[in-house]
Amino acid sequence: MLVMIDEPDTSVFLDAGRTCPTLTHSAQITMPELVMAWGRGWAVSRGVPGPVEVQGGFRADVGRPGHRVRYVLHTWDTDLLEALDRQVTAPGTWIKVSGCATDLRGALSTRWTMESSGYLMTAQFTVGAVEPPSPYETRVATDGEVVVATVVDATGTAAASGRLAPAGKCGVIDQVETSPAHRRRGLGTTVMRALSDHAARNELATGILVATEDGRRLYRALGWTVQSEIAVAYVRED
């Protein structure tokens, strides 16, 4: 399936009789390509091994307490999820799928705990950084392949930050955060504009991120389009 640029619709991407809509975007990129690019960029940003292709998506070995391994699926049906449920039993395992939480919950056994859904979003990168309000200052630096945009206050303390990691011609935005004491001042927007500007100047075309519910509102205001709900479940690690 090709997802079309800036033309969200309610076509159903997933098969197997499910009825949850997936919104679409972005010229000449398929949903599988979009999800795989996000996985590659996320791994670069987090400093973990790159994703390994599996049926319907990828596996990433995260190797952190409570989050040992994740499976991210762009194409799946109930049979595939039930097979994963039988085969993947280790605590600290996560499954994320492009689709609705109710469908994921219905396909998994009760040992899986549901987490809040995210939202796969895309935008075309554009040149045009913005200055933060006084007395804040924006700093852009590199950390290996990763670009880090940080807004600092008058003391030089980080007030907001975000990361950009390359994935082919795509760029993955990750870990955009604003400290509680500095919120509602447009600093998240400043970070996003700085990262978009850097990406566009370095010939990255399409931005990809997975947003929380709160983040989705900010990103939509900045022109990002929701492609799909990302449903999430995990096995607890005590």
C-alpha atoms as a PDB file:
ATOM      1  CA  MET A   1       0.000   0.000   0.000  1.00  0.00           C
ATOM      2  CA  LEU A   2       1.284   3.467  -0.891  1.00  0.00           C
ATOM      3  CA  VAL A   3       0.452   6.224   1.552  1.00  0.00           C
ATOM      4  CA  MET A   4      -0.390   9.529  -0.118  1.00  0.00           C
ATOM      5  CA  ILE A   5       1.020  12.887   0.881  1.00  0.00           C
ATOM      6  CA  ASP A   6      -1.179  15.075   3.079  1.00  0.00           C
ATOM      7  CA  GLU A   7      -4.362  13.228   2.201  1.00  0.00           C
ATOM      8  CA  PRO A   8      -5.501  11.456   5.383  1.00  0.00           C
ATOM      9  CA  ASP A   9      -8.265   8.939   4.873  1.00  0.00           C
ATOM     10  CA  THR A  10      -9.993   6.186   6.777  1.00  0.00           C
ATOM     11  CA  SER A  11      -9.013   3.245   4.609  1.00  0.00           C
ATOM     12  CA  VAL A  12      -8.292   0.062   6.508  1.00  0.00           C
ATOM     13  CA  PHE A  13      -4.636  -0.888   6.190  1.00  0.00           C
ATOM     14  CA  LEU A  14      -4.753  -4.078   8.212  1.00  0.00           C
ATOM     15  CA  ASP A  15      -6.377  -7.264   6.986  1.00  0.00           C
ATOM     16  CA  ALA A  16      -8.104 -10.230   8.639  1.00  0.00           C
ATOM     17  CA  GLY A  17     -11.509  -8.590   8.925  1.00  0.00           C
ATOM     18  CA  ARG A  18     -10.531  -5.852  11.349  1.00  0.00           C
ATOM     19  CA  THR A  19     -12.278  -2.525  11.006  1.00  0.00           C
ATOM     20  CA  CYS A  20      -9.987   0.004  12.687  1.00  0.00           C
ATOM     21  CA  PRO A  21      -9.081   2.883  10.339  1.00  0.00           C
ATOM     22  CA  THR A  22      -5.481   3.741   9.568  1.00  0.00           C
ATOM     23  CA  LEU A  23      -4.806   7.301   8.438  1.00  0.00           C
ATOM     24  CA  THR A  24      -2.370   7.735   5.575  1.00  0.00           C
ATOM     25  CA  HIS A  25       0.226  10.221   4.359  1.00  0.00           C
ATOM     26  CA  SER A  26       3.515  10.681   2.490  1.00  0.00           C
ATOM     27  CA  ALA A  27       4.229  10.291  -1.219  1.00  0.00           C
ATOM     28  CA  GLN A  28       5.644   7.008  -2.486  1.00  0.00           C
ATOM     29  CA  ILE A  29       6.281   5.414   0.907  1.00  0.00           C
ATOM     30  CA  THR A  30       4.500   2.220   1.876  1.00  0.00           C
ATOM     31  CA  MET A  31       3.381   1.647   5.434  1.00  0.00           C
ATOM     32  CA  PRO A  32       5.891  -1.210   5.877  1.00  0.00           C
ATOM     33  CA  GLU A  33       8.695   1.075   4.660  1.00  0.00           C
ATOM     34  CA  LEU A  34       7.536   3.789   7.048  1.00  0.00           C
ATOM     35  CA  VAL A  35       7.511   1.484  10.057  1.00  0.00           C
ATOM     36  CA  MET A  36      10.878  -0.049   9.179  1.00  0.00           C
ATOM     37  CA  ALA A  37      12.431   3.405   8.746  1.00  0.00           C
ATOM     38  CA  TRP A  38      11.092   4.419  12.141  1.00  0.00           C
ATOM     39  CA  GLY A  39      12.648   1.293  13.658  1.00  0.00           C
ATOM     40  CA  ARG A  40      16.060   2.023  12.144  1.00  0.00           C
ATOM     41  CA  GLY A  41      16.063   5.647  13.242  1.00  0.00           C
ATOM     42  CA  TRP A  42      14.788   4.828  16.724  1.00  0.00           C
ATOM     43  CA  ALA A  43      17.604   2.308  17.194  1.00  0.00           C
ATOM     44  CA  VAL A  44      20.207   4.889  16.144  1.00  0.00           C
ATOM     45  CA  SER A  45      18.728   7.480  18.507  1.00  0.00           C
ATOM     46  CA  ARG A  46      18.647   5.090  21.460  1.00  0.00           C
ATOM     47  CA  GLY A  47      22.032   3.507  20.781  1.00  0.00           C
ATOM     48  CA  VAL A  48      20.698  -0.051  20.525  1.00  0.00           C
ATOM     49  CA  PRO A  49      21.266  -2.688  17.813  1.00  0.00           C
ATOM     50  CA  GLY A  50      19.421  -2.118  14.560  1.00  0.00           C
ATOM     51  CA  PRO A  51      16.097  -3.839  13.913  1.00  0.00           C
ATOM     52  CA  VAL A  52      16.003  -7.380  12.566  1.00  0.00           C
ATOM     53  CA  GLU A  53      13.255  -8.173  10.076  1.00  0.00           C
ATOM     54  CA  VAL A  54      10.662 -10.722  11.158  1.00  0.00           C
ATOM     55  CA  GLN A  55       7.342 -11.703   9.614  1.00  0.00           C
ATOM     56  CA  GLY A  56       5.206  -8.571   9.410  1.00  0.00           C
ATOM     57  CA  GLY A  57       7.754  -6.170  10.870  1.00  0.00           C
ATOM     58  CA  PHE A  58      10.903  -6.187  12.985  1.00  0.00           C
ATOM     59  CA  ARG A  59      12.429  -7.216  16.286  1.00  0.00           C
ATOM     60  CA  ALA A  60      14.677  -4.847  18.241  1.00  0.00           C
ATOM     61  CA  ASP A  61      16.917  -6.045  21.060  1.00  0.00           C
ATOM     62  CA  VAL A  62      16.686  -3.136  23.485  1.00  0.00           C
ATOM     63  CA  GLY A  63      18.351  -4.887  26.421  1.00  0.00           C
ATOM     64  CA  ARG A  64      17.101  -2.625  29.197  1.00  0.00           C
ATOM     65  CA  PRO A  65      15.346  -3.492  32.463  1.00  0.00           C
ATOM     66  CA  GLY A  66      11.653  -3.929  31.787  1.00  0.00           C
ATOM     67  CA  HIS A  67      12.207  -3.525  28.048  1.00  0.00           C
ATOM     68  CA  ARG A  68      14.424  -6.348  26.858  1.00  0.00           C
ATOM     69  CA  VAL A  69      13.081  -6.860  23.346  1.00  0.00           C
ATOM     70  CA  ARG A  70      10.328  -5.363  21.198  1.00  0.00           C
ATOM     71  CA  TYR A  71       8.407  -6.628  18.207  1.00  0.00           C
ATOM     72  CA  VAL A  72       6.942  -3.943  15.952  1.00  0.00           C
ATOM     73  CA  LEU A  73       4.499  -5.111  13.291  1.00  0.00           C
ATOM     74  CA  HIS A  74       3.188  -3.176  10.321  1.00  0.00           C
ATOM     75  CA  THR A  75       1.344  -6.138   8.755  1.00  0.00           C
ATOM     76  CA  TRP A  76      -0.316  -8.750  10.912  1.00  0.00           C
ATOM     77  CA  ASP A  77      -3.377 -10.845  11.564  1.00  0.00           C
ATOM     78  CA  THR A  78      -4.757 -12.682  14.568  1.00  0.00           C
ATOM     79  CA  ASP A  79      -2.907 -15.893  13.678  1.00  0.00           C
ATOM     80  CA  LEU A  80       0.452 -14.112  13.673  1.00  0.00           C
ATOM     81  CA  LEU A  81      -0.204 -12.469  17.037  1.00  0.00           C
ATOM     82  CA  GLU A  82      -1.389 -15.722  18.575  1.00  0.00           C
ATOM     83  CA  ALA A  83       1.789 -17.412  17.326  1.00  0.00           C
ATOM     84  CA  LEU A  84       3.911 -14.676  18.888  1.00  0.00           C
ATOM     85  CA  ASP A  85       1.952 -15.056  22.109  1.00  0.00           C
ATOM     86  CA  ARG A  86       2.879 -18.744  22.221  1.00  0.00           C
ATOM     87  CA  GLN A  87       6.511 -18.305  21.205  1.00  0.00           C
ATOM     88  CA  VAL A  88       7.494 -15.121  23.029  1.00  0.00           C
ATOM     89  CA  THR A  89       7.262 -15.629  26.771  1.00  0.00           C
ATOM     90  CA  ALA A  90      10.182 -13.726  28.299  1.00  0.00           C
ATOM     91  CA  PRO A  91       9.369 -10.929  30.767  1.00  0.00           C
ATOM     92  CA  GLY A  92      10.317  -7.529  29.423  1.00  0.00           C
ATOM     93  CA  THR A  93       9.035  -8.313  25.916  1.00  0.00           C
ATOM     94  CA  TRP A  94       6.962  -5.668  24.129  1.00  0.00           C
ATOM     95  CA  ILE A  95       4.708  -5.891  21.085  1.00  0.00           C
ATOM     96  CA  LYS A  96       3.721  -2.797  19.107  1.00  0.00           C
ATOM     97  CA  VAL A  97       1.410  -2.982  16.112  1.00  0.00           C
ATOM     98  CA  SER A  98       0.016  -0.589  13.559  1.00  0.00           C
ATOM     99  CA  GLY A  99      -3.623  -0.883  14.552  1.00  0.00           C
ATOM    100  CA  CYS A 100      -6.157  -0.626  17.334  1.00  0.00           C
ATOM    101  CA  ALA A 101      -5.594  -1.541  20.962  1.00  0.00           C
ATOM    102  CA  THR A 102      -8.828  -3.543  21.100  1.00  0.00           C
ATOM    103  CA  ASP A 103      -7.622  -5.809  18.298  1.00  0.00           C
ATOM    104  CA  LEU A 104      -4.239  -6.345  19.946  1.00  0.00           C
ATOM    105  CA  ARG A 105      -5.828  -7.079  23.329  1.00  0.00           C
ATOM    106  CA  GLY A 106      -8.200  -9.579  21.764  1.00  0.00           C
ATOM    107  CA  ALA A 107      -5.389 -11.553  20.124  1.00  0.00           C
ATOM    108  CA  LEU A 108      -3.119 -11.879  23.173  1.00  0.00           C
ATOM    109  CA  SER A 109      -3.395 -13.895  26.371  1.00  0.00           C
ATOM    110  CA  THR A 110      -3.959 -12.293  29.757  1.00  0.00           C
ATOM    111  CA  ARG A 111      -0.266 -12.339  30.692  1.00  0.00           C
ATOM    112  CA  TRP A 112       0.167  -9.311  28.440  1.00  0.00           C
ATOM    113  CA  THR A 113      -0.447  -5.858  29.928  1.00  0.00           C
ATOM    114  CA  MET A 114      -1.756  -3.119  27.663  1.00  0.00           C
ATOM    115  CA  GLU A 115       0.086   0.216  27.556  1.00  0.00           C
ATOM    116  CA  SER A 116      -1.233   3.539  26.280  1.00  0.00           C
ATOM    117  CA  SER A 117      -1.280   3.683  22.496  1.00  0.00           C
ATOM    118  CA  GLY A 118       1.043   5.914  20.490  1.00  0.00           C
ATOM    119  CA  TYR A 119       0.497   7.523  17.096  1.00  0.00           C
ATOM    120  CA  LEU A 120       2.743   7.064  14.076  1.00  0.00           C
ATOM    121  CA  MET A 121       3.014  10.501  12.446  1.00  0.00           C
ATOM    122  CA  THR A 122       4.809  11.974   9.442  1.00  0.00           C
ATOM    123  CA  ALA A 123       5.611  15.359   7.932  1.00  0.00           C
ATOM    124  CA  GLN A 124       7.767  16.790   5.186  1.00  0.00           C
ATOM    125  CA  PHE A 125      10.812  18.523   6.651  1.00  0.00           C
ATOM    126  CA  THR A 126      11.121  22.230   5.852  1.00  0.00           C
ATOM    127  CA  VAL A 127      13.787  24.883   6.340  1.00  0.00           C
ATOM    128  CA  GLY A 128      12.902  27.483   8.933  1.00  0.00           C
ATOM    129  CA  ALA A 129      14.129  27.410  12.524  1.00  0.00           C
ATOM    130  CA  VAL A 130      12.486  29.767  15.021  1.00  0.00           C
ATOM    131  CA  GLU A 131      14.023  31.668  17.908  1.00  0.00           C
ATOM    132  CA  PRO A 132      12.790  30.848  21.409  1.00  0.00           C
ATOM    133  CA  PRO A 133      11.465  33.633  23.642  1.00  0.00           C
ATOM    134  CA  SER A 134      14.016  35.558  25.700  1.00  0.00           C
ATOM    135  CA  PRO A 135      16.039  34.575  27.690  1.00  0.00           C
ATOM    136  CA  TYR A 136      16.128  31.110  26.106  1.00  0.00           C
ATOM    137  CA  GLU A 137      18.671  30.022  23.503  1.00  0.00           C
ATOM    138  CA  THR A 138      18.680  27.118  21.031  1.00  0.00           C
ATOM    139  CA  ARG A 139      21.736  24.926  20.649  1.00  0.00           C
ATOM    140  CA  VAL A 140      22.106  22.243  17.972  1.00  0.00           C
ATOM    141  CA  ALA A 141      24.847  19.633  18.298  1.00  0.00           C
ATOM    142  CA  THR A 142      25.671  16.188  16.944  1.00  0.00           C
ATOM    143  CA  ASP A 143      26.169  12.969  18.866  1.00  0.00           C
ATOM    144  CA  GLY A 144      27.487  10.517  16.294  1.00  0.00           C
ATOM    145  CA  GLU A 145      24.727  10.210  13.683  1.00  0.00           C
ATOM    146  CA  VAL A 146      22.190  11.840  15.987  1.00  0.00           C
ATOM    147  CA  VAL A 147      21.380  15.559  15.978  1.00  0.00           C
ATOM    148  CA  VAL A 148      20.348  16.988  19.350  1.00  0.00           C
ATOM    149  CA  ALA A 149      18.470  20.282  19.610  1.00  0.00           C
ATOM    150  CA  THR A 150      18.415  21.804  23.091  1.00  0.00           C
ATOM    151  CA  VAL A 151      16.774  24.967  24.363  1.00  0.00           C
ATOM    152  CA  VAL A 152      18.614  26.305  27.408  1.00  0.00           C
ATOM    153  CA  ASP A 153      17.593  28.955  29.920  1.00  0.00           C
ATOM    154  CA  ALA A 154      19.635  31.951  31.083  1.00  0.00           C
ATOM    155  CA  THR A 155      21.764  29.716  33.327  1.00  0.00           C
ATOM    156  CA  GLY A 156      22.563  27.297  30.499  1.00  0.00           C
ATOM    157  CA  THR A 157      20.313  24.598  31.949  1.00  0.00           C
ATOM    158  CA  ALA A 158      18.396  22.480  29.450  1.00  0.00           C
ATOM    159  CA  ALA A 159      14.716  23.427  29.352  1.00  0.00           C
ATOM    160  CA  ALA A 160      13.661  21.387  26.296  1.00  0.00           C
ATOM    161  CA  SER A 161      15.341  18.989  23.905  1.00  0.00           C
ATOM    162  CA  GLY A 162      14.795  16.509  21.108  1.00  0.00           C
ATOM    163  CA  ARG A 163      16.732  14.146  18.870  1.00  0.00           C
ATOM    164  CA  LEU A 164      16.867  13.467  15.126  1.00  0.00           C
ATOM    165  CA  ALA A 165      18.265  10.228  13.701  1.00  0.00           C
ATOM    166  CA  PRO A 166      18.639   9.390   9.987  1.00  0.00           C
ATOM    167  CA  ALA A 167      16.961   6.438   8.297  1.00  0.00           C
ATOM    168  CA  GLY A 168      17.723   6.678   4.587  1.00  0.00           C
ATOM    169  CA  LYS A 169      15.927   9.758   3.237  1.00  0.00           C
ATOM    170  CA  CYS A 170      13.750   9.826   6.340  1.00  0.00           C
ATOM    171  CA  GLY A 171      14.543  11.365   9.698  1.00  0.00           C
ATOM    172  CA  VAL A 172      13.174  10.030  12.975  1.00  0.00           C
ATOM    173  CA  ILE A 173      12.298  12.522  15.700  1.00  0.00           C
ATOM    174  CA  ASP A 174      12.717  11.059  19.182  1.00  0.00           C
ATOM    175  CA  GLN A 175      12.606  12.004  22.863  1.00  0.00           C
ATOM    176  CA  VAL A 176      11.171  15.502  22.522  1.00  0.00           C
ATOM    177  CA  GLU A 177      10.821  16.697  26.096  1.00  0.00           C
ATOM    178  CA  THR A 178      10.209  19.968  27.934  1.00  0.00           C
ATOM    179  CA  SER A 179      10.985  20.298  31.646  1.00  0.00           C
ATOM    180  CA  PRO A 180       7.817  20.901  33.702  1.00  0.00           C
ATOM    181  CA  ALA A 181       8.987  24.332  34.900  1.00  0.00           C
ATOM    182  CA  HIS A 182       9.411  25.533  31.300  1.00  0.00           C
ATOM    183  CA  ARG A 183       6.237  24.279  29.653  1.00  0.00           C
ATOM    184  CA  ARG A 184       3.645  26.338  27.764  1.00  0.00           C
ATOM    185  CA  ARG A 185       6.281  28.695  26.379  1.00  0.00           C
ATOM    186  CA  GLY A 186       6.596  27.265  22.884  1.00  0.00           C
ATOM    187  CA  LEU A 187       9.891  25.514  23.581  1.00  0.00           C
ATOM    188  CA  GLY A 188       8.726  22.176  22.177  1.00  0.00           C
ATOM    189  CA  THR A 189       7.840  23.952  18.948  1.00  0.00           C
ATOM    190  CA  THR A 190      11.275  25.576  18.908  1.00  0.00           C
ATOM    191  CA  VAL A 191      12.949  22.174  19.251  1.00  0.00           C
ATOM    192  CA  MET A 192      10.827  20.657  16.479  1.00  0.00           C
ATOM    193  CA  ARG A 193      11.516  23.560  14.113  1.00  0.00           C
ATOM    194  CA  ALA A 194      15.255  23.344  14.787  1.00  0.00           C
ATOM    195  CA  LEU A 195      15.312  19.618  14.018  1.00  0.00           C
ATOM    196  CA  SER A 196      13.176  20.041  10.889  1.00  0.00           C
ATOM    197  CA  ASP A 197      15.423  22.842   9.652  1.00  0.00           C
ATOM    198  CA  HIS A 198      18.561  20.746  10.165  1.00  0.00           C
ATOM    199  CA  ALA A 199      16.963  17.730   8.466  1.00  0.00           C
ATOM    200  CA  ALA A 200      15.834  19.717   5.415  1.00  0.00           C
ATOM    201  CA  ARG A 201      19.246  21.339   5.008  1.00  0.00           C
ATOM    202  CA  ASN A 202      20.815  17.875   5.071  1.00  0.00           C
ATOM    203  CA  GLU A 203      18.480  16.414   2.423  1.00  0.00           C
ATOM    204  CA  LEU A 204      16.256  14.367   4.699  1.00  0.00           C
ATOM    205  CA  ALA A 205      12.769  14.527   3.220  1.00  0.00           C
ATOM    206  CA  THR A 206      10.211  12.817   5.435  1.00  0.00           C
ATOM    207  CA  GLY A 207       9.970  13.080   9.195  1.00  0.00           C
ATOM    208  CA  ILE A 208       8.664  10.167  11.246  1.00  0.00           C
ATOM    209  CA  LEU A 209       7.816   9.963  14.934  1.00  0.00           C
ATOM    210  CA  VAL A 210       5.600   8.091  17.350  1.00  0.00           C
ATOM    211  CA  ALA A 211       3.716  10.484  19.609  1.00  0.00           C
ATOM    212  CA  THR A 212       1.926  10.169  22.911  1.00  0.00           C
ATOM    213  CA  GLU A 213      -1.631  11.440  23.178  1.00  0.00           C
ATOM    214  CA  ASP A 214      -0.384  14.794  24.509  1.00  0.00           C
ATOM    215  CA  GLY A 215       2.370  15.024  21.906  1.00  0.00           C
ATOM    216  CA  ARG A 216      -0.047  14.329  19.079  1.00  0.00           C
ATOM    217  CA  ARG A 217      -1.767  17.686  19.637  1.00  0.00           C
ATOM    218  CA  LEU A 218       1.516  19.623  19.425  1.00  0.00           C
ATOM    219  CA  TYR A 219       2.692  17.798  16.317  1.00  0.00           C
ATOM    220  CA  ARG A 220      -0.612  18.178  14.487  1.00  0.00           C
ATOM    221  CA  ALA A 221      -0.440  21.923  15.125  1.00  0.00           C
ATOM    222  CA  LEU A 222       2.990  21.844  13.459  1.00  0.00           C
ATOM    223  CA  GLY A 223       1.657  20.108  10.352  1.00  0.00           C
ATOM    224  CA  TRP A 224       2.306  16.465  11.189  1.00  0.00           C
ATOM    225  CA  THR A 225      -0.216  13.860  10.047  1.00  0.00           C
ATOM    226  CA  VAL A 226      -1.327  10.771  11.952  1.00  0.00           C
ATOM    227  CA  GLN A 227      -0.751   7.599   9.937  1.00  0.00           C
ATOM    228  CA  SER A 228      -1.812   4.958  12.415  1.00  0.00           C
ATOM    229  CA  GLU A 229      -2.516   4.212  16.015  1.00  0.00           C
ATOM    230  CA  ILE A 230       0.308   2.150  17.492  1.00  0.00           C
ATOM    231  CA  ALA A 231      -1.157  -0.322  19.966  1.00  0.00           C
ATOM    232  CA  VAL A 232       1.189  -1.550  22.692  1.00  0.00           C
ATOM    233  CA  ALA A 233       1.351  -4.542  25.043  1.00  0.00           C
ATOM    234  CA  TYR A 234       4.118  -6.000  27.193  1.00  0.00           C
ATOM    235  CA  VAL A 235       4.979  -8.815  29.575  1.00  0.00           C
ATOM    236  CA  ARG A 236       5.844  -7.454  33.000  1.00  0.00           C
ATOM    237  CA  GLU A 237       9.337  -7.963  34.352  1.00  0.00           C
ATOM    238  CA  ASP A 238       9.236  -8.108  38.151  1.00  0.00           C
END
